[in-house]
Amino acid sequence: MGSDELIANLFRISQTEQKLKRDNVKKESEANKTHYEVGKAVRDTIKKLGGTMPEELPTPKKSLKELEKEKNDLKKLFD
């Protein structure tokens, strides 16, 4: 995940959390609906501004699993 996608996700998460608190959402179904609505608004904003949609962003060359393995291998070398 690149920085644009990470930032969009963090923004969506923080806005959803604030809206859930502000609207005093208690039911799971209402929370899911709120999550969806905020996510849609974030996607609509990205699209409106001419940004690249998350599914169109380039994927990393290495998976998280591969990076973790490399990190662990390096750690073993220096331990």
N, C-alpha and C. Protein backbone atom coordinates (compact mmCIF):
# COMPACT_ATOMS: atom_id res chain seq x y z
N MET A 1 0.85 -1.16 0.00
CA MET A 1 0.00 0.00 0.00
C MET A 1 0.90 1.23 0.00
N GLY A 2 0.67 2.10 -0.96
CA GLY A 2 1.45 3.33 -1.04
C GLY A 2 0.90 4.40 -0.12
N SER A 3 1.58 5.53 -0.09
CA SER A 3 1.19 6.59 0.83
C SER A 3 -0.20 7.16 0.52
N ASP A 4 -0.56 7.30 -0.75
CA ASP A 4 -1.89 7.83 -1.08
C ASP A 4 -3.00 6.95 -0.54
N GLU A 5 -2.86 5.64 -0.74
CA GLU A 5 -3.88 4.71 -0.26
C GLU A 5 -3.90 4.67 1.26
N LEU A 6 -2.74 4.70 1.87
CA LEU A 6 -2.66 4.69 3.33
C LEU A 6 -3.33 5.93 3.91
N ILE A 7 -3.04 7.08 3.34
CA ILE A 7 -3.62 8.33 3.82
C ILE A 7 -5.14 8.31 3.66
N ALA A 8 -5.63 7.85 2.52
CA ALA A 8 -7.07 7.77 2.30
C ALA A 8 -7.73 6.85 3.32
N ASN A 9 -7.08 5.71 3.59
CA ASN A 9 -7.63 4.77 4.58
C ASN A 9 -7.64 5.37 5.98
N LEU A 10 -6.56 6.03 6.36
CA LEU A 10 -6.52 6.66 7.69
C LEU A 10 -7.56 7.77 7.81
N PHE A 11 -7.73 8.55 6.75
CA PHE A 11 -8.75 9.60 6.75
C PHE A 11 -10.14 8.99 6.89
N ARG A 12 -10.41 7.93 6.13
CA ARG A 12 -11.72 7.27 6.20
C ARG A 12 -11.97 6.72 7.59
N ILE A 13 -10.95 6.10 8.18
CA ILE A 13 -11.09 5.52 9.51
C ILE A 13 -11.36 6.60 10.55
N SER A 14 -10.59 7.68 10.50
CA SER A 14 -10.76 8.74 11.50
C SER A 14 -12.11 9.44 11.35
N GLN A 15 -12.54 9.66 10.11
CA GLN A 15 -13.83 10.32 9.90
C GLN A 15 -14.99 9.42 10.33
N THR A 16 -14.85 8.12 10.07
CA THR A 16 -15.89 7.18 10.50
C THR A 16 -15.98 7.16 12.02
N GLU A 17 -14.83 7.09 12.67
CA GLU A 17 -14.80 7.06 14.14
C GLU A 17 -15.46 8.32 14.72
N GLN A 18 -15.12 9.47 14.16
CA GLN A 18 -15.71 10.73 14.66
C GLN A 18 -17.22 10.75 14.45
N LYS A 19 -17.68 10.29 13.27
CA LYS A 19 -19.11 10.29 12.98
C LYS A 19 -19.86 9.31 13.88
N LEU A 20 -19.27 8.15 14.14
CA LEU A 20 -19.90 7.18 15.04
C LEU A 20 -20.08 7.78 16.43
N LYS A 21 -19.07 8.49 16.91
CA LYS A 21 -19.16 9.13 18.23
C LYS A 21 -20.14 10.29 18.22
N ARG A 22 -20.01 11.14 17.21
CA ARG A 22 -20.86 12.33 17.11
C ARG A 22 -22.33 11.96 17.02
N ASP A 23 -22.64 10.92 16.23
CA ASP A 23 -24.03 10.48 16.04
C ASP A 23 -24.48 9.47 17.08
N ASN A 24 -23.58 9.14 18.03
CA ASN A 24 -23.88 8.20 19.10
C ASN A 24 -24.43 6.87 18.56
N VAL A 25 -23.75 6.36 17.56
CA VAL A 25 -24.17 5.11 16.92
C VAL A 25 -23.84 3.94 17.85
N LYS A 26 -24.84 3.11 18.10
CA LYS A 26 -24.67 1.96 19.00
C LYS A 26 -24.87 0.62 18.31
N LYS A 27 -25.76 0.57 17.33
CA LYS A 27 -26.08 -0.70 16.67
C LYS A 27 -25.05 -1.02 15.58
N GLU A 28 -24.74 -2.30 15.48
CA GLU A 28 -23.77 -2.74 14.48
C GLU A 28 -24.23 -2.40 13.06
N SER A 29 -25.51 -2.57 12.79
CA SER A 29 -26.01 -2.29 11.44
C SER A 29 -25.87 -0.80 11.11
N GLU A 30 -26.10 0.06 12.09
CA GLU A 30 -25.93 1.50 11.87
C GLU A 30 -24.46 1.85 11.68
N ALA A 31 -23.59 1.19 12.43
CA ALA A 31 -22.15 1.42 12.30
C ALA A 31 -21.67 1.00 10.92
N ASN A 32 -22.15 -0.14 10.43
CA ASN A 32 -21.78 -0.59 9.09
C ASN A 32 -22.25 0.39 8.03
N LYS A 33 -23.46 0.89 8.19
CA LYS A 33 -24.00 1.87 7.24
C LYS A 33 -23.16 3.16 7.26
N THR A 34 -22.81 3.61 8.45
CA THR A 34 -21.99 4.81 8.59
C THR A 34 -20.63 4.60 7.93
N HIS A 35 -20.02 3.46 8.18
CA HIS A 35 -18.72 3.12 7.59
C HIS A 35 -18.81 3.18 6.07
N TYR A 36 -19.84 2.59 5.51
CA TYR A 36 -20.04 2.57 4.06
C TYR A 36 -20.21 3.99 3.52
N GLU A 37 -21.04 4.80 4.18
CA GLU A 37 -21.31 6.16 3.72
C GLU A 37 -20.05 7.02 3.74
N VAL A 38 -19.26 6.92 4.79
CA VAL A 38 -18.02 7.70 4.88
C VAL A 38 -17.04 7.22 3.80
N GLY A 39 -16.92 5.92 3.64
CA GLY A 39 -16.05 5.38 2.61
C GLY A 39 -16.44 5.85 1.22
N LYS A 40 -17.75 5.87 0.96
CA LYS A 40 -18.25 6.34 -0.34
C LYS A 40 -17.93 7.81 -0.53
N ALA A 41 -18.09 8.61 0.52
CA ALA A 41 -17.78 10.04 0.42
C ALA A 41 -16.30 10.27 0.13
N VAL A 42 -15.43 9.49 0.76
CA VAL A 42 -13.99 9.61 0.52
C VAL A 42 -13.68 9.23 -0.93
N ARG A 43 -14.25 8.13 -1.41
CA ARG A 43 -14.03 7.72 -2.80
C ARG A 43 -14.56 8.76 -3.77
N ASP A 44 -15.75 9.30 -3.49
CA ASP A 44 -16.33 10.33 -4.36
C ASP A 44 -15.43 11.56 -4.42
N THR A 45 -14.85 11.92 -3.29
CA THR A 45 -13.95 13.08 -3.25
C THR A 45 -12.69 12.82 -4.06
N ILE A 46 -12.11 11.64 -3.92
CA ILE A 46 -10.91 11.29 -4.70
C ILE A 46 -11.24 11.40 -6.19
N LYS A 47 -12.38 10.84 -6.58
CA LYS A 47 -12.79 10.85 -7.98
C LYS A 47 -13.04 12.28 -8.46
N LYS A 48 -13.74 13.07 -7.66
CA LYS A 48 -14.08 14.46 -8.02
C LYS A 48 -12.82 15.30 -8.23
N LEU A 49 -11.80 15.05 -7.42
CA LEU A 49 -10.56 15.80 -7.51
C LEU A 49 -9.63 15.28 -8.61
N GLY A 50 -10.05 14.20 -9.26
CA GLY A 50 -9.24 13.65 -10.33
C GLY A 50 -8.10 12.77 -9.85
N GLY A 51 -8.21 12.32 -8.60
CA GLY A 51 -7.17 11.45 -8.04
C GLY A 51 -7.28 10.04 -8.58
N THR A 52 -6.30 9.26 -8.28
CA THR A 52 -6.28 7.85 -8.69
C THR A 52 -7.05 7.03 -7.68
N MET A 53 -7.99 6.25 -8.16
CA MET A 53 -8.78 5.41 -7.28
C MET A 53 -7.88 4.32 -6.69
N PRO A 54 -8.13 3.90 -5.45
CA PRO A 54 -7.26 2.93 -4.79
C PRO A 54 -7.02 1.66 -5.61
N GLU A 55 -8.05 1.15 -6.26
CA GLU A 55 -7.88 -0.08 -7.03
C GLU A 55 -7.03 0.12 -8.28
N GLU A 56 -6.78 1.37 -8.65
CA GLU A 56 -5.95 1.66 -9.82
C GLU A 56 -4.51 2.01 -9.45
N LEU A 57 -4.21 2.07 -8.16
CA LEU A 57 -2.86 2.37 -7.72
C LEU A 57 -1.95 1.17 -7.96
N PRO A 58 -0.67 1.42 -8.21
CA PRO A 58 0.24 0.29 -8.42
C PRO A 58 0.39 -0.55 -7.17
N THR A 59 0.59 -1.83 -7.38
CA THR A 59 0.80 -2.72 -6.25
C THR A 59 2.29 -2.84 -5.97
N PRO A 60 2.64 -3.07 -4.71
CA PRO A 60 4.07 -3.20 -4.36
C PRO A 60 4.70 -4.40 -5.06
N LYS A 61 6.01 -4.32 -5.28
CA LYS A 61 6.72 -5.42 -5.92
C LYS A 61 6.86 -6.62 -5.00
N LYS A 62 6.91 -6.35 -3.69
CA LYS A 62 7.03 -7.42 -2.70
C LYS A 62 5.83 -7.39 -1.77
N SER A 63 5.39 -8.57 -1.38
CA SER A 63 4.27 -8.67 -0.45
C SER A 63 4.76 -8.38 0.97
N LEU A 64 3.83 -8.12 1.85
CA LEU A 64 4.15 -7.89 3.25
C LEU A 64 4.86 -9.12 3.83
N LYS A 65 4.39 -10.29 3.45
CA LYS A 65 5.00 -11.54 3.94
C LYS A 65 6.47 -11.63 3.51
N GLU A 66 6.76 -11.25 2.27
CA GLU A 66 8.14 -11.28 1.78
C GLU A 66 9.01 -10.28 2.54
N LEU A 67 8.47 -9.09 2.77
CA LEU A 67 9.22 -8.07 3.50
C LEU A 67 9.50 -8.49 4.94
N GLU A 68 8.51 -9.11 5.57
CA GLU A 68 8.70 -9.58 6.94
C GLU A 68 9.77 -10.68 7.00
N LYS A 69 9.77 -11.56 6.00
CA LYS A 69 10.77 -12.63 5.96
C LYS A 69 12.17 -12.02 5.81
N GLU A 70 12.30 -11.04 4.92
CA GLU A 70 13.60 -10.38 4.74
C GLU A 70 14.05 -9.70 6.04
N LYS A 71 13.11 -9.06 6.71
CA LYS A 71 13.43 -8.39 7.98
C LYS A 71 13.92 -9.40 9.00
N ASN A 72 13.21 -10.52 9.10
CA ASN A 72 13.60 -11.56 10.05
C ASN A 72 14.95 -12.18 9.69
N ASP A 73 15.19 -12.37 8.39
CA ASP A 73 16.48 -12.91 7.96
C ASP A 73 17.61 -11.95 8.33
N LEU A 74 17.40 -10.67 8.11
CA LEU A 74 18.43 -9.68 8.48
C LEU A 74 18.64 -9.63 9.98
N LYS A 75 17.55 -9.72 10.70
CA LYS A 75 17.65 -9.70 12.16
C LYS A 75 18.48 -10.88 12.66
N LYS A 76 18.27 -12.04 12.06
CA LYS A 76 19.04 -13.24 12.46
C LYS A 76 20.54 -13.05 12.20
N LEU A 77 20.86 -12.36 11.12
CA LEU A 77 22.27 -12.11 10.79
C LEU A 77 22.96 -11.25 11.85
N PHE A 78 22.23 -10.33 12.44
CA PHE A 78 22.82 -9.39 13.37
C PHE A 78 22.62 -9.75 14.84
N ASP A 79 21.92 -10.83 15.09
CA ASP A 79 21.71 -11.27 16.48
C ASP A 79 22.81 -12.17 16.96
